[in-house]
Amino acid sequence: MRVGDKPLTPSCRSAEWGLKGVDQCWSQKERFIKPAEKDEALAAYDHARKAYRSY
């Protein structure tokens, strides 16, 4: 990931904070997602989790 022409290298603490935010958001919104949209939403949240875990 880059910001401008410089690489973005978040701290481990920042990545953990972001991952917890994704998990919290999912736990609050999951029940409101339409069944027809659930697989796509889960894939998007899993993509975000994978990105945060890569740091």
Protein backbone atom coordinates (compact mmCIF):
# COMPACT_ATOMS: atom_id res chain seq x y z
CA MET A 1 0.00 0.00 0.00
CA ARG A 2 1.28 3.46 -0.84
CA VAL A 3 0.41 7.01 0.08
CA GLY A 4 1.61 9.31 -2.63
CA ASP A 5 4.98 7.89 -3.61
CA LYS A 6 5.84 6.52 -0.15
CA PRO A 7 5.09 3.06 1.20
CA LEU A 8 2.59 2.88 4.03
CA THR A 9 3.89 0.78 6.89
CA PRO A 10 1.50 0.85 9.83
CA SER A 11 2.67 -0.26 13.23
CA CYS A 12 1.59 -3.65 14.50
CA ARG A 13 -0.51 -1.85 17.10
CA SER A 14 -2.31 0.16 14.43
CA ALA A 15 -3.00 -2.97 12.38
CA GLU A 16 -4.43 -4.73 15.45
CA TRP A 17 -6.64 -1.70 16.16
CA GLY A 18 -7.92 -1.78 12.58
CA LEU A 19 -8.61 -5.51 12.73
CA LYS A 20 -10.56 -5.10 15.97
CA GLY A 21 -12.56 -2.33 14.31
CA VAL A 22 -13.47 -4.58 11.39
CA ASP A 23 -14.53 -7.36 13.77
CA GLN A 24 -16.60 -4.94 15.87
CA CYS A 25 -18.28 -3.49 12.80
CA TRP A 26 -19.14 -6.97 11.52
CA SER A 27 -20.56 -8.03 14.88
CA GLN A 28 -22.88 -5.02 14.89
CA LYS A 29 -23.97 -5.10 11.25
CA GLU A 30 -24.09 -8.80 10.38
CA ARG A 31 -27.67 -9.30 11.56
CA PHE A 32 -28.93 -6.45 9.38
CA ILE A 33 -27.41 -7.71 6.13
CA LYS A 34 -29.91 -9.24 3.74
CA PRO A 35 -29.44 -12.99 3.21
CA ALA A 36 -28.92 -12.42 -0.53
CA GLU A 37 -26.05 -10.01 0.24
CA LYS A 38 -24.45 -11.88 3.14
CA ASP A 39 -21.85 -13.88 1.17
CA GLU A 40 -20.59 -10.76 -0.60
CA ALA A 41 -20.48 -8.78 2.64
CA LEU A 42 -18.61 -11.55 4.44
CA ALA A 43 -16.09 -11.71 1.61
CA ALA A 44 -15.51 -7.96 1.88
CA TYR A 45 -14.99 -8.13 5.66
CA ASP A 46 -12.68 -11.14 5.25
CA HIS A 47 -10.68 -9.19 2.68
CA ALA A 48 -10.27 -6.34 5.18
CA ARG A 49 -9.25 -8.78 7.92
CA LYS A 50 -6.66 -10.36 5.65
CA ALA A 51 -5.24 -6.93 4.80
CA TYR A 52 -4.85 -5.99 8.47
CA ARG A 53 -3.33 -9.38 9.31
CA SER A 54 -0.69 -8.92 6.61
CA TYR A 55 1.01 -6.17 8.63
